[in-house]
Amino acid sequence: MKNISDFKTDLEFGEMAEQIFGNNFANGSFEFKRDRKMHRTGRVYIEYKSRGERSGIAMTEVKPVWLYLTDDLGFGLVMDAGRLREALRVFRQECLQGLHEPPATYAKEGGDEDSSVGALMPVADLARIMLSLSKPTNA
């Protein structure tokens, strides 16, 4: 396959992403999550229930872009909320099929006094699933 990339096209493509992110930041469209253990465990906890009610990513109204950051803010994952929900559905199916060994689980209790429920997901699996759900753009 021939490489059809050139500097001008790549620059415009990158600038388009900067504009999209800039607009989201200006509109307060980011949800920030900070994980105290991700850097040690290689896993991220994505809450979807708290005290018996939908919460986190499962809420009807969520900010469109989610950032999961390590405790020291040195590393993070930027994800579209809709795609993250899709990834959690895929991960749940994989867990139900026995494809993940504990401690990875779709229904892990956590948070204050274990009052939350979320997916405890290896970062590598989250990246794999998110990439598999990616769609090409026309840009």
Protein backbone atom coordinates (compact mmCIF):
# COMPACT_ATOMS: atom_id res chain seq x y z
CA MET A 1 0.00 0.00 0.00
CA LYS A 2 1.40 3.38 -1.03
CA ASN A 3 1.92 6.01 1.67
CA ILE A 4 -0.34 8.93 0.70
CA SER A 5 0.71 11.12 3.60
CA ASP A 6 2.49 14.44 3.25
CA PHE A 7 3.44 17.16 5.71
CA LYS A 8 0.65 19.59 4.77
CA THR A 9 -2.06 16.93 4.97
CA ASP A 10 -0.70 15.59 8.28
CA LEU A 11 -0.49 19.11 9.71
CA GLU A 12 -4.11 19.88 8.76
CA PHE A 13 -5.23 16.55 10.22
CA GLY A 14 -3.46 17.33 13.52
CA GLU A 15 -4.80 20.90 13.62
CA MET A 16 -8.34 19.58 13.18
CA ALA A 17 -7.89 17.43 16.31
CA GLU A 18 -6.51 20.44 18.19
CA GLN A 19 -9.60 22.44 17.25
CA ILE A 20 -11.96 19.65 18.37
CA PHE A 21 -10.15 19.25 21.70
CA GLY A 22 -9.94 23.00 22.17
CA ASN A 23 -13.69 23.32 21.69
CA ASN A 24 -14.35 20.51 24.15
CA PHE A 25 -12.08 22.09 26.76
CA ALA A 26 -13.70 25.50 26.27
CA ASN A 27 -17.16 23.95 26.69
CA GLY A 28 -16.18 21.93 29.78
CA SER A 29 -16.95 18.74 27.87
CA PHE A 30 -14.33 16.59 29.61
CA GLU A 31 -14.90 14.23 32.53
CA PHE A 32 -11.68 13.68 34.48
CA LYS A 33 -11.14 10.49 36.46
CA ARG A 34 -8.01 9.96 38.51
CA ASP A 35 -7.02 6.40 39.37
CA ARG A 36 -4.73 5.97 42.38
CA LYS A 37 -3.69 2.42 41.49
CA MET A 38 -3.58 2.26 37.67
CA HIS A 39 0.18 2.87 37.52
CA ARG A 40 0.86 -0.03 39.91
CA THR A 41 -1.75 -2.55 38.77
CA GLY A 42 -2.05 -1.86 35.05
CA ARG A 43 -5.82 -1.85 35.53
CA VAL A 44 -8.44 0.90 35.52
CA TYR A 45 -11.69 0.96 37.49
CA ILE A 46 -14.65 2.30 35.52
CA GLU A 47 -17.64 2.89 37.80
CA TYR A 48 -21.17 2.39 36.51
CA LYS A 49 -23.17 2.00 39.74
CA SER A 50 -23.05 3.63 43.18
CA ARG A 51 -25.26 2.89 46.16
CA GLY A 52 -27.58 0.87 43.94
CA GLU A 53 -28.07 3.64 41.35
CA ARG A 54 -26.58 4.16 37.90
CA SER A 55 -23.52 6.38 38.08
CA GLY A 56 -20.36 7.27 36.23
CA ILE A 57 -20.34 6.18 32.62
CA ALA A 58 -23.84 4.63 32.95
CA MET A 59 -25.51 8.00 33.58
CA THR A 60 -27.85 9.26 30.87
CA GLU A 61 -26.15 12.64 30.77
CA VAL A 62 -22.37 12.31 30.65
CA LYS A 63 -19.68 14.55 29.29
CA PRO A 64 -18.67 13.36 25.79
CA VAL A 65 -14.94 12.99 26.44
CA TRP A 66 -13.45 11.07 29.39
CA LEU A 67 -9.89 11.26 30.63
CA TYR A 68 -8.57 8.55 32.94
CA LEU A 69 -5.38 9.77 34.60
CA THR A 70 -2.75 8.15 36.78
CA ASP A 71 -2.35 9.42 40.31
CA ASP A 72 0.62 11.64 39.38
CA LEU A 73 -1.19 12.96 36.26
CA GLY A 74 1.74 11.76 34.13
CA PHE A 75 -0.25 9.37 31.95
CA GLY A 76 -3.81 9.28 30.78
CA LEU A 77 -6.31 7.79 28.40
CA VAL A 78 -8.65 10.03 26.39
CA MET A 79 -11.85 8.31 25.33
CA ASP A 80 -15.16 9.12 23.72
CA ALA A 81 -17.91 8.34 26.26
CA GLY A 82 -20.06 6.46 23.75
CA ARG A 83 -17.14 4.33 22.63
CA LEU A 84 -16.18 3.69 26.27
CA ARG A 85 -19.70 2.39 26.92
CA GLU A 86 -19.35 0.10 23.89
CA ALA A 87 -15.98 -1.12 25.19
CA LEU A 88 -17.53 -1.96 28.55
CA ARG A 89 -20.22 -4.02 26.82
CA VAL A 90 -17.54 -5.94 24.93
CA PHE A 91 -15.51 -6.43 28.13
CA ARG A 92 -18.62 -7.69 29.96
CA GLN A 93 -19.23 -10.27 27.22
CA GLU A 94 -15.60 -11.36 27.37
CA CYS A 95 -15.87 -11.76 31.16
CA LEU A 96 -19.08 -13.79 30.82
CA GLN A 97 -17.32 -16.03 28.30
CA GLY A 98 -14.51 -16.64 30.80
CA LEU A 99 -11.88 -14.87 28.72
CA HIS A 100 -10.50 -12.86 31.67
CA GLU A 101 -8.91 -14.19 34.83
CA PRO A 102 -9.47 -12.47 38.18
CA PRO A 103 -8.85 -9.81 39.32
CA ALA A 104 -10.17 -8.48 36.00
CA THR A 105 -13.91 -8.41 36.31
CA TYR A 106 -16.93 -6.58 35.01
CA ALA A 107 -18.65 -6.32 38.40
CA LYS A 108 -16.02 -5.29 40.96
CA GLU A 109 -17.13 -3.60 44.17
CA GLY A 110 -15.10 -0.54 45.12
CA GLY A 111 -15.20 3.07 46.21
CA ASP A 112 -16.42 4.30 49.60
CA GLU A 113 -17.15 1.23 51.72
CA ASP A 114 -17.47 -0.85 48.53
CA SER A 115 -20.66 1.05 47.69
CA SER A 116 -19.80 1.29 43.98
CA VAL A 117 -19.71 -1.28 41.22
CA GLY A 118 -17.54 -0.99 38.15
CA ALA A 119 -15.36 -2.77 35.65
CA LEU A 120 -11.82 -3.53 36.79
CA MET A 121 -10.19 -3.72 33.41
CA PRO A 122 -6.58 -4.19 32.35
CA VAL A 123 -5.43 -1.06 30.50
CA ALA A 124 -4.11 -3.27 27.69
CA ASP A 125 -7.57 -4.81 27.22
CA LEU A 126 -9.23 -1.41 27.32
CA ALA A 127 -6.84 -0.16 24.64
CA ARG A 128 -7.34 -3.32 22.55
CA ILE A 129 -11.13 -3.06 22.66
CA MET A 130 -11.19 0.72 22.10
CA LEU A 131 -8.91 0.31 19.07
CA SER A 132 -11.07 -2.49 17.68
CA LEU A 133 -14.07 -0.13 17.87
CA SER A 134 -12.26 2.74 16.14
CA LYS A 135 -13.66 3.88 12.82
CA PRO A 136 -11.78 5.50 9.95
CA THR A 137 -12.50 9.16 9.26
CA ASN A 138 -12.91 10.88 5.94
CA ALA A 139 -10.35 13.52 6.90
